[in-house]
Amino acid sequence: MTGTSKARVRVTLEKSVAGQLQSIAASVRGLGLRRRHQTVTVADTAENRGMIRAARHLVKVENA
């Protein structure tokens, strides 16, 4: 990012990706989440919102 102040969201992986579709697991990894209870802060973009929506049953989202 180039110094612009964009909205950010905190995403926490609450449940395991074991047994999920490959595309859902890829969305979780694309957000930067590797293990349960890990929290990352990502930019609030349409791309990230789409990945969050795909895995909405596995993650918890908060404003950062």
N, C-alpha and C. Protein backbone atom coordinates (compact mmCIF):
# COMPACT_ATOMS: atom_id res chain seq x y z
N MET A 1 0.85 -1.18 0.00
CA MET A 1 0.00 0.00 0.00
C MET A 1 0.88 1.23 0.00
N THR A 2 0.42 2.28 -0.59
CA THR A 2 1.25 3.46 -0.78
C THR A 2 0.78 4.62 0.09
N GLY A 3 0.72 4.42 1.40
CA GLY A 3 0.42 5.52 2.29
C GLY A 3 -1.03 5.96 2.34
N THR A 4 -1.92 5.35 1.57
CA THR A 4 -3.32 5.73 1.63
C THR A 4 -3.96 5.04 2.82
N SER A 5 -4.85 5.75 3.50
CA SER A 5 -5.50 5.15 4.67
C SER A 5 -6.78 4.47 4.21
N LYS A 6 -6.71 3.17 4.11
CA LYS A 6 -7.87 2.38 3.69
C LYS A 6 -8.47 1.70 4.90
N ALA A 7 -9.74 1.36 4.79
CA ALA A 7 -10.40 0.62 5.85
C ALA A 7 -9.79 -0.77 5.96
N ARG A 8 -9.68 -1.26 7.19
CA ARG A 8 -9.10 -2.57 7.44
C ARG A 8 -10.08 -3.40 8.26
N VAL A 9 -10.01 -4.71 8.12
CA VAL A 9 -10.83 -5.61 8.92
C VAL A 9 -9.93 -6.68 9.53
N ARG A 10 -10.30 -7.13 10.73
CA ARG A 10 -9.59 -8.22 11.39
C ARG A 10 -10.37 -9.50 11.13
N VAL A 11 -9.68 -10.52 10.64
CA VAL A 11 -10.31 -11.79 10.32
C VAL A 11 -9.65 -12.87 11.18
N THR A 12 -10.47 -13.65 11.88
CA THR A 12 -9.97 -14.73 12.73
C THR A 12 -10.55 -16.05 12.24
N LEU A 13 -9.69 -17.04 12.08
CA LEU A 13 -10.14 -18.37 11.68
C LEU A 13 -10.63 -19.10 12.92
N GLU A 14 -11.94 -19.31 13.00
CA GLU A 14 -12.56 -19.92 14.17
C GLU A 14 -12.66 -21.43 14.06
N LYS A 15 -12.82 -21.95 12.86
CA LYS A 15 -12.98 -23.38 12.65
C LYS A 15 -11.97 -23.85 11.62
N SER A 16 -11.68 -25.14 11.65
CA SER A 16 -10.70 -25.74 10.76
C SER A 16 -11.22 -25.82 9.32
N VAL A 17 -10.30 -25.81 8.37
CA VAL A 17 -10.67 -25.95 6.96
C VAL A 17 -10.70 -27.41 6.54
N ALA A 18 -10.38 -28.32 7.45
CA ALA A 18 -10.39 -29.75 7.14
C ALA A 18 -11.79 -30.18 6.71
N GLY A 19 -11.88 -30.85 5.59
CA GLY A 19 -13.15 -31.33 5.09
C GLY A 19 -13.92 -30.33 4.25
N GLN A 20 -13.37 -29.13 4.07
CA GLN A 20 -14.04 -28.11 3.28
C GLN A 20 -13.66 -28.27 1.81
N LEU A 21 -14.42 -27.63 0.95
CA LEU A 21 -14.09 -27.63 -0.47
C LEU A 21 -12.73 -26.96 -0.67
N GLN A 22 -12.05 -27.37 -1.71
CA GLN A 22 -10.73 -26.83 -2.00
C GLN A 22 -10.77 -25.33 -2.23
N SER A 23 -11.83 -24.84 -2.84
CA SER A 23 -11.94 -23.40 -3.10
C SER A 23 -12.11 -22.60 -1.81
N ILE A 24 -12.80 -23.17 -0.84
CA ILE A 24 -12.97 -22.48 0.45
C ILE A 24 -11.64 -22.45 1.19
N ALA A 25 -10.93 -23.56 1.19
CA ALA A 25 -9.62 -23.61 1.84
C ALA A 25 -8.65 -22.64 1.17
N ALA A 26 -8.74 -22.50 -0.14
CA ALA A 26 -7.88 -21.56 -0.86
C ALA A 26 -8.21 -20.12 -0.49
N SER A 27 -9.48 -19.82 -0.27
CA SER A 27 -9.88 -18.48 0.14
C SER A 27 -9.32 -18.15 1.52
N VAL A 28 -9.37 -19.11 2.42
CA VAL A 28 -8.84 -18.90 3.77
C VAL A 28 -7.34 -18.65 3.70
N ARG A 29 -6.63 -19.46 2.91
CA ARG A 29 -5.19 -19.27 2.77
C ARG A 29 -4.87 -17.95 2.08
N GLY A 30 -5.72 -17.54 1.14
CA GLY A 30 -5.53 -16.27 0.46
C GLY A 30 -5.66 -15.08 1.38
N LEU A 31 -6.42 -15.23 2.44
CA LEU A 31 -6.53 -14.17 3.44
C LEU A 31 -5.32 -14.14 4.37
N GLY A 32 -4.48 -15.16 4.28
CA GLY A 32 -3.29 -15.21 5.12
C GLY A 32 -3.47 -16.01 6.39
N LEU A 33 -4.56 -16.76 6.48
CA LEU A 33 -4.82 -17.56 7.67
C LEU A 33 -4.26 -18.96 7.47
N ARG A 34 -3.51 -19.45 8.45
CA ARG A 34 -2.88 -20.75 8.34
C ARG A 34 -3.40 -21.74 9.37
N ARG A 35 -3.76 -21.27 10.57
CA ARG A 35 -4.20 -22.19 11.63
C ARG A 35 -5.36 -21.59 12.41
N ARG A 36 -6.07 -22.43 13.15
CA ARG A 36 -7.22 -21.98 13.92
C ARG A 36 -6.81 -20.93 14.94
N HIS A 37 -7.69 -19.99 15.18
CA HIS A 37 -7.54 -18.91 16.15
C HIS A 37 -6.46 -17.90 15.76
N GLN A 38 -5.95 -17.99 14.54
CA GLN A 38 -5.02 -16.99 14.04
C GLN A 38 -5.82 -15.79 13.55
N THR A 39 -5.32 -14.60 13.81
CA THR A 39 -5.99 -13.37 13.40
C THR A 39 -5.07 -12.58 12.47
N VAL A 40 -5.62 -12.09 11.37
CA VAL A 40 -4.87 -11.23 10.46
C VAL A 40 -5.70 -9.97 10.20
N THR A 41 -5.01 -8.91 9.85
CA THR A 41 -5.67 -7.66 9.46
C THR A 41 -5.46 -7.47 7.97
N VAL A 42 -6.57 -7.34 7.25
CA VAL A 42 -6.50 -7.20 5.79
C VAL A 42 -7.26 -5.95 5.37
N ALA A 43 -6.95 -5.46 4.18
CA ALA A 43 -7.65 -4.31 3.63
C ALA A 43 -9.10 -4.69 3.32
N ASP A 44 -10.00 -3.75 3.52
CA ASP A 44 -11.41 -3.99 3.26
C ASP A 44 -11.70 -3.71 1.78
N THR A 45 -11.33 -4.69 0.94
CA THR A 45 -11.53 -4.55 -0.50
C THR A 45 -12.58 -5.55 -0.96
N ALA A 46 -13.05 -5.38 -2.16
CA ALA A 46 -14.04 -6.29 -2.71
C ALA A 46 -13.48 -7.71 -2.83
N GLU A 47 -12.20 -7.83 -3.19
CA GLU A 47 -11.58 -9.14 -3.32
C GLU A 47 -11.53 -9.86 -1.98
N ASN A 48 -11.10 -9.15 -0.95
CA ASN A 48 -11.02 -9.77 0.38
C ASN A 48 -12.42 -10.07 0.92
N ARG A 49 -13.38 -9.20 0.67
CA ARG A 49 -14.75 -9.46 1.11
C ARG A 49 -15.31 -10.72 0.45
N GLY A 50 -14.96 -10.94 -0.81
CA GLY A 50 -15.40 -12.15 -1.49
C GLY A 50 -14.81 -13.41 -0.87
N MET A 51 -13.53 -13.36 -0.49
CA MET A 51 -12.90 -14.51 0.17
C MET A 51 -13.51 -14.73 1.55
N ILE A 52 -13.80 -13.64 2.26
CA ILE A 52 -14.45 -13.75 3.57
C ILE A 52 -15.83 -14.36 3.41
N ARG A 53 -16.57 -13.93 2.40
CA ARG A 53 -17.92 -14.45 2.17
C ARG A 53 -17.90 -15.94 1.86
N ALA A 54 -16.89 -16.39 1.12
CA ALA A 54 -16.78 -17.81 0.78
C ALA A 54 -16.57 -18.66 2.02
N ALA A 55 -15.89 -18.11 3.01
CA ALA A 55 -15.56 -18.87 4.22
C ALA A 55 -16.27 -18.30 5.44
N ARG A 56 -17.40 -17.68 5.25
CA ARG A 56 -18.08 -16.98 6.35
C ARG A 56 -18.48 -17.90 7.50
N HIS A 57 -18.62 -19.20 7.24
CA HIS A 57 -18.97 -20.14 8.30
C HIS A 57 -17.75 -20.59 9.10
N LEU A 58 -16.57 -20.16 8.69
CA LEU A 58 -15.33 -20.55 9.37
C LEU A 58 -14.62 -19.39 10.06
N VAL A 59 -14.95 -18.15 9.68
CA VAL A 59 -14.20 -17.01 10.17
C VAL A 59 -15.08 -16.04 10.96
N LYS A 60 -14.42 -15.22 11.76
CA LYS A 60 -15.08 -14.12 12.48
C LYS A 60 -14.44 -12.84 11.98
N VAL A 61 -15.26 -11.83 11.68
CA VAL A 61 -14.78 -10.58 11.10
C VAL A 61 -15.12 -9.43 12.05
N GLU A 62 -14.12 -8.55 12.29
CA GLU A 62 -14.31 -7.36 13.11
C GLU A 62 -13.70 -6.17 12.40
N ASN A 63 -14.18 -4.99 12.70
CA ASN A 63 -13.55 -3.78 12.19
C ASN A 63 -12.22 -3.58 12.90
N ALA A 64 -11.22 -3.11 12.15
CA ALA A 64 -9.91 -2.90 12.76
C ALA A 64 -9.66 -1.43 13.01
